[in-house]
Every structure is written in C-alpha cells, then in structure tokens.
Amino acid sequence: MKKLLLMVALISFGLVAANADPATIIKTKCQACHGANMEKSALGKSKIVNTLSSDQIKKDLLGYKAGTLNQHGLGATMWGQIKPLSDADIDALAKYIPTLKK
C-alpha cells in the first residue's frame, strides 16, 4: 500500500509540473544550475541560456527530451529535468527565457 501511495504521489507531482508557467518551471527545474534568470553556465560547461534565441532553446530542449542531445556530457541530467515537460511547456520556456536578459 505504501508503494502504491508513493507511486501515485510521484505521478501526481509530474502532472502538476506539466503545463506550469515558465517562471515556476525555471524555479523548480532550472534555477539551481542555470540561475534564477538563466544567466549562469551550468557547472561551468553549458551555454548561458538567456542569450540564446527562442528557436535554439526550443531545439535544445526537444533534443534533451528525446534523449538525442548530450552537450558537455549533461544529456542524462537534462533529460531527467525535461522529460516531464509537455511540448506546450517547452514552447512557453523558449519564448520566456530570452526575456530574462539583463
């Protein structure tokens, strides 16, 4: 019974995370490595995401979600973060992130 409840809780969390607003997604999935405004190079390796175009962000996120992109050896980490996101979430992030430039 405990296993069933844990599984339901984890699935429910994934559903809540899907279709969230981009600021919430960044706060819960991105900020620890990329910074609150996506202004940091994750682990000193990645691109600074808020300097990329919307098209490039979308292309990269879809590549990570599909498991076909592995920039700087971070593919598995990014796949785990991106996999639960819907295509609508990815579109929203791709449009929102470039607005965070300072």
Protein backbone atom coordinates (compact mmCIF):
# COMPACT_ATOMS: atom_id res chain seq x y z
CA MET A 1 0.00 0.00 0.00
CA LYS A 2 2.84 2.40 0.83
CA LYS A 3 4.41 1.75 -2.56
CA LEU A 4 1.12 2.47 -4.30
CA LEU A 5 0.68 5.75 -2.43
CA LEU A 6 4.24 6.79 -3.21
CA MET A 7 3.76 6.00 -6.88
CA VAL A 8 0.50 7.99 -7.02
CA ALA A 9 2.18 10.94 -5.29
CA LEU A 10 5.10 10.92 -7.73
CA ILE A 11 2.81 10.69 -10.75
CA SER A 12 0.63 13.48 -9.39
CA PHE A 13 3.68 15.70 -8.88
CA GLY A 14 4.65 15.13 -12.51
CA LEU A 15 1.19 16.10 -13.67
CA VAL A 16 1.21 19.27 -11.60
CA ALA A 17 4.59 20.23 -13.05
CA ALA A 18 3.29 19.78 -16.59
CA ASN A 19 1.77 22.89 -18.15
CA ALA A 20 3.07 25.14 -15.38
CA ASP A 21 4.01 28.72 -16.11
CA PRO A 22 7.61 29.17 -17.29
CA ALA A 23 8.72 31.09 -14.18
CA THR A 24 7.60 28.19 -11.97
CA ILE A 25 9.34 25.64 -14.21
CA ILE A 26 12.57 27.64 -14.04
CA LYS A 27 12.33 27.94 -10.27
CA THR A 28 11.76 24.21 -9.75
CA LYS A 29 13.82 22.64 -12.55
CA CYS A 30 16.42 25.08 -13.88
CA GLN A 31 17.47 27.70 -11.37
CA ALA A 32 19.80 25.54 -9.27
CA CYS A 33 22.22 25.11 -12.18
CA HIS A 34 21.34 27.94 -14.59
CA GLY A 35 20.44 30.73 -12.13
CA ALA A 36 17.13 32.47 -11.47
CA ASN A 37 17.37 34.42 -14.73
CA MET A 38 19.06 31.60 -16.67
CA GLU A 39 22.21 33.75 -16.59
CA LYS A 40 24.70 31.10 -15.46
CA SER A 41 26.69 28.48 -17.29
CA ALA A 42 25.55 25.23 -15.64
CA LEU A 43 28.53 23.57 -13.95
CA GLY A 44 30.72 25.99 -15.88
CA LYS A 45 30.06 23.96 -19.04
CA SER A 46 26.78 24.93 -20.68
CA LYS A 47 25.77 27.89 -22.78
CA ILE A 48 24.23 30.84 -20.96
CA VAL A 49 20.66 30.04 -21.86
CA ASN A 50 19.13 33.53 -21.72
CA THR A 51 21.47 34.62 -24.55
CA LEU A 52 20.06 32.01 -26.95
CA SER A 53 17.23 32.56 -29.41
CA SER A 54 13.81 31.09 -28.75
CA ASP A 55 14.31 28.71 -31.67
CA GLN A 56 17.65 27.45 -30.30
CA ILE A 57 16.23 26.99 -26.80
CA LYS A 58 13.29 25.01 -28.17
CA LYS A 59 15.56 22.88 -30.37
CA ASP A 60 17.89 22.10 -27.46
CA LEU A 61 15.08 21.30 -25.02
CA LEU A 62 13.37 19.00 -27.51
CA GLY A 63 16.71 17.28 -28.16
CA TYR A 64 17.25 16.71 -24.44
CA LYS A 65 13.67 15.46 -24.05
CA ALA A 66 14.13 12.99 -26.93
CA GLY A 67 17.45 11.85 -25.48
CA THR A 68 19.29 12.80 -28.68
CA LEU A 69 21.27 15.76 -27.29
CA ASN A 70 24.19 15.32 -24.91
CA GLN A 71 26.05 18.62 -24.80
CA HIS A 72 29.01 18.64 -22.42
CA GLY A 73 28.00 15.21 -21.07
CA LEU A 74 24.89 16.68 -19.44
CA GLY A 75 22.33 14.88 -21.60
CA ALA A 76 21.15 12.45 -18.92
CA THR A 77 20.80 15.20 -16.34
CA MET A 78 18.88 17.43 -18.72
CA TRP A 79 16.73 14.52 -19.92
CA GLY A 80 15.62 13.92 -16.33
CA GLN A 81 14.66 17.57 -15.93
CA ILE A 82 12.95 17.99 -19.31
CA LYS A 83 11.21 14.64 -19.75
CA PRO A 84 8.10 15.51 -17.66
CA LEU A 85 7.53 18.78 -19.54
CA SER A 86 4.90 18.98 -22.25
CA ASP A 87 5.57 20.48 -25.67
CA ALA A 88 3.48 23.47 -24.55
CA ASP A 89 5.78 23.89 -21.52
CA ILE A 90 8.82 23.80 -23.81
CA ASP A 91 7.25 26.37 -26.16
CA ALA A 92 6.48 28.64 -23.21
CA LEU A 93 10.03 28.32 -21.84
CA ALA A 94 11.56 29.01 -25.26
CA LYS A 95 9.57 32.24 -25.53
CA TYR A 96 10.07 33.33 -21.92
CA ILE A 97 13.78 32.67 -21.30
CA PRO A 98 15.13 35.26 -23.79
CA THR A 99 13.11 37.93 -21.95
CA LEU A 100 15.24 37.33 -18.84
CA LYS A 101 18.34 39.01 -20.31
CA LYS A 102 19.65 41.81 -18.12
